[in-house]
Amino acid sequence: MSLKYIKAKKEDADMLIEIYNASFYDDYIKYGECPAYGRTRESMEASIEKFPKLIIYSDDIPVGVISIANRGKGEYYLGCLCVIPQYQSKGIGTQAVKYMLDYYTDWRKVTLITPADKKENINFYIKRCGFMIDGTDIDGNVKVVRFLMER
């Protein structure tokens, strides 16, 4: 499996919506809301402009997205890491995080959030990626875990 990462452009909005919807459908059903699910083309285009996104390709097939916001002074926020269901559990997410850490060479701190009851996400970020839990919050009606990685 050969992975590559290509910066998303506005013209990719429809493709990104398909990837997000496939990746976050279960969350939408479970929680009754999911900010990454059901986006309009306009909102995705605005998000592409504001938060750079890299489309993850596996053997030239778009299978996921990683979105990172540069908050300045070496601090980054991992706003989205998603892989469509049929490509999950193949190491793609782990490789995407490693790629992000190599790509943003000035990083000193990376943060992210994920739902507190998603044990597979929590284990992934701690065991496979090296993040630490930095607390919990409420986002809408969902309890979330804050993660932190520093160097």
Protein backbone atom coordinates (compact mmCIF):
# COMPACT_ATOMS: atom_id res chain seq x y z
CA MET A 1 0.00 0.00 0.00
CA SER A 2 1.52 3.26 -1.16
CA LEU A 3 0.31 6.43 0.58
CA LYS A 4 0.58 9.98 -0.65
CA TYR A 5 -0.75 13.27 0.67
CA ILE A 6 -1.98 16.03 -1.62
CA LYS A 7 -3.05 19.47 -0.44
CA ALA A 8 -6.78 19.96 -0.97
CA LYS A 9 -8.05 22.76 -3.20
CA LYS A 10 -11.53 24.29 -3.35
CA GLU A 11 -12.23 22.07 -6.37
CA ASP A 12 -11.86 19.06 -4.07
CA ALA A 13 -14.77 20.11 -1.83
CA ASP A 14 -17.24 17.51 -3.13
CA MET A 15 -14.70 14.70 -2.75
CA LEU A 16 -13.88 15.83 0.78
CA ILE A 17 -17.57 15.90 1.70
CA GLU A 18 -17.89 12.30 0.49
CA ILE A 19 -14.87 11.21 2.55
CA TYR A 20 -16.07 13.07 5.66
CA ASN A 21 -19.63 11.73 5.32
CA ALA A 22 -18.42 8.13 4.94
CA SER A 23 -16.01 8.52 7.84
CA PHE A 24 -18.32 10.32 10.28
CA TYR A 25 -21.74 8.81 9.49
CA ASP A 26 -21.62 6.50 12.52
CA ASP A 27 -20.78 9.44 14.81
CA TYR A 28 -23.69 11.42 13.38
CA ILE A 29 -26.08 8.53 14.05
CA LYS A 30 -24.66 7.86 17.53
CA TYR A 31 -24.55 11.44 18.81
CA GLY A 32 -27.30 13.04 16.73
CA GLU A 33 -24.75 15.61 15.60
CA CYS A 34 -21.27 15.69 14.13
CA PRO A 35 -19.66 18.89 12.86
CA ALA A 36 -17.76 16.95 10.18
CA TYR A 37 -20.86 15.23 8.76
CA GLY A 38 -23.30 16.71 6.26
CA ARG A 39 -21.33 19.80 5.33
CA THR A 40 -22.34 21.97 2.43
CA ARG A 41 -19.99 22.65 -0.47
CA GLU A 42 -19.74 26.28 0.67
CA SER A 43 -18.78 25.35 4.24
CA MET A 44 -16.20 22.83 2.99
CA GLU A 45 -14.69 25.38 0.60
CA ALA A 46 -14.42 27.86 3.47
CA SER A 47 -12.85 25.19 5.67
CA ILE A 48 -10.29 24.36 2.97
CA GLU A 49 -9.30 28.02 2.87
CA LYS A 50 -9.06 28.40 6.65
CA PHE A 51 -7.69 24.98 7.69
CA PRO A 52 -5.29 23.29 5.27
CA LYS A 53 -6.29 19.73 4.46
CA LEU A 54 -4.22 16.95 2.99
CA ILE A 55 -6.10 14.28 1.08
CA ILE A 56 -4.72 10.83 1.88
CA TYR A 57 -4.41 8.60 -1.17
CA SER A 58 -3.79 4.87 -0.98
CA ASP A 59 -2.64 3.50 -4.32
CA ASP A 60 -4.14 6.60 -6.00
CA ILE A 61 -7.55 6.18 -4.32
CA PRO A 62 -8.66 9.02 -1.98
CA VAL A 63 -9.26 7.28 1.36
CA GLY A 64 -8.96 9.96 4.03
CA VAL A 65 -8.15 13.48 5.12
CA ILE A 66 -5.93 15.09 7.70
CA SER A 67 -6.56 18.73 8.57
CA ILE A 68 -4.15 20.78 10.64
CA ALA A 69 -4.53 24.36 11.86
CA ASN A 70 -1.32 26.29 12.53
CA ARG A 71 -1.94 28.30 15.69
CA GLY A 72 1.51 29.89 15.58
CA LYS A 73 4.69 29.56 17.63
CA GLY A 74 4.95 25.85 16.87
CA GLU A 75 1.45 24.99 18.07
CA TYR A 76 -0.84 22.97 15.79
CA TYR A 77 -4.38 21.70 16.16
CA LEU A 78 -5.28 18.42 14.49
CA GLY A 79 -8.83 19.31 13.52
CA CYS A 80 -9.62 16.19 11.55
CA LEU A 81 -8.12 12.83 10.81
CA CYS A 82 -10.48 10.53 9.01
CA VAL A 83 -10.20 7.38 6.95
CA ILE A 84 -13.19 5.87 5.15
CA PRO A 85 -14.41 2.70 6.90
CA GLN A 86 -13.20 0.13 4.35
CA TYR A 87 -9.62 1.44 4.72
CA GLN A 88 -9.56 1.70 8.52
CA SER A 89 -7.32 -0.54 10.66
CA LYS A 90 -4.63 -0.68 7.96
CA GLY A 91 -2.19 1.79 9.53
CA ILE A 92 -3.24 4.72 7.34
CA GLY A 93 -4.13 7.00 10.26
CA THR A 94 -0.89 6.22 12.07
CA GLN A 95 1.12 6.98 8.95
CA ALA A 96 -0.84 10.22 8.44
CA VAL A 97 0.05 11.43 11.95
CA LYS A 98 3.72 10.56 11.36
CA TYR A 99 3.59 12.40 8.04
CA MET A 100 2.07 15.47 9.75
CA LEU A 101 4.80 15.51 12.40
CA ASP A 102 7.49 15.32 9.69
CA TYR A 103 5.74 17.86 7.43
CA TYR A 104 5.37 20.54 10.11
CA THR A 105 9.00 20.54 11.23
CA ASP A 106 8.55 23.47 13.64
CA TRP A 107 5.89 21.77 15.78
CA ARG A 108 6.35 22.02 19.52
CA LYS A 109 2.80 21.22 20.56
CA VAL A 110 -0.06 19.37 18.83
CA THR A 111 -3.57 19.19 20.29
CA LEU A 112 -6.82 17.53 19.26
CA ILE A 113 -10.14 16.34 20.67
CA THR A 114 -12.19 13.17 20.19
CA PRO A 115 -15.39 11.86 21.82
CA ALA A 116 -14.68 10.44 25.28
CA ASP A 117 -16.63 7.24 24.66
CA LYS A 118 -14.70 6.34 21.48
CA LYS A 119 -12.21 3.98 23.10
CA GLU A 120 -10.70 2.99 19.74
CA ASN A 121 -9.83 6.65 19.04
CA ILE A 122 -8.41 7.14 22.53
CA ASN A 123 -6.26 4.02 22.24
CA PHE A 124 -5.15 5.03 18.75
CA TYR A 125 -3.94 8.48 19.79
CA ILE A 126 -2.25 7.25 22.98
CA LYS A 127 -0.80 3.89 21.93
CA ARG A 128 -0.10 4.38 18.23
CA CYS A 129 0.63 8.10 18.03
CA GLY A 130 2.09 9.02 21.42
CA PHE A 131 -0.43 11.64 22.59
CA MET A 132 -1.32 12.19 26.25
CA ILE A 133 -4.76 12.96 27.65
CA ASP A 134 -4.93 16.62 28.70
CA GLY A 135 -8.46 16.71 30.13
CA THR A 136 -12.09 16.63 29.05
CA ASP A 137 -14.66 19.13 27.79
CA ILE A 138 -18.19 19.22 26.46
CA ASP A 139 -18.61 19.98 22.74
CA GLY A 140 -22.31 20.42 21.95
CA ASN A 141 -23.87 17.46 23.74
CA VAL A 142 -20.76 15.26 23.48
CA LYS A 143 -18.11 14.78 26.16
CA VAL A 144 -14.71 14.97 24.49
CA VAL A 145 -11.15 14.14 25.50
CA ARG A 146 -8.41 16.70 24.86
CA PHE A 147 -5.10 15.27 23.68
CA LEU A 148 -1.66 16.83 23.74
CA MET A 149 1.72 15.98 22.26
CA GLU A 150 4.74 18.14 23.07
CA ARG A 151 8.44 18.01 22.32
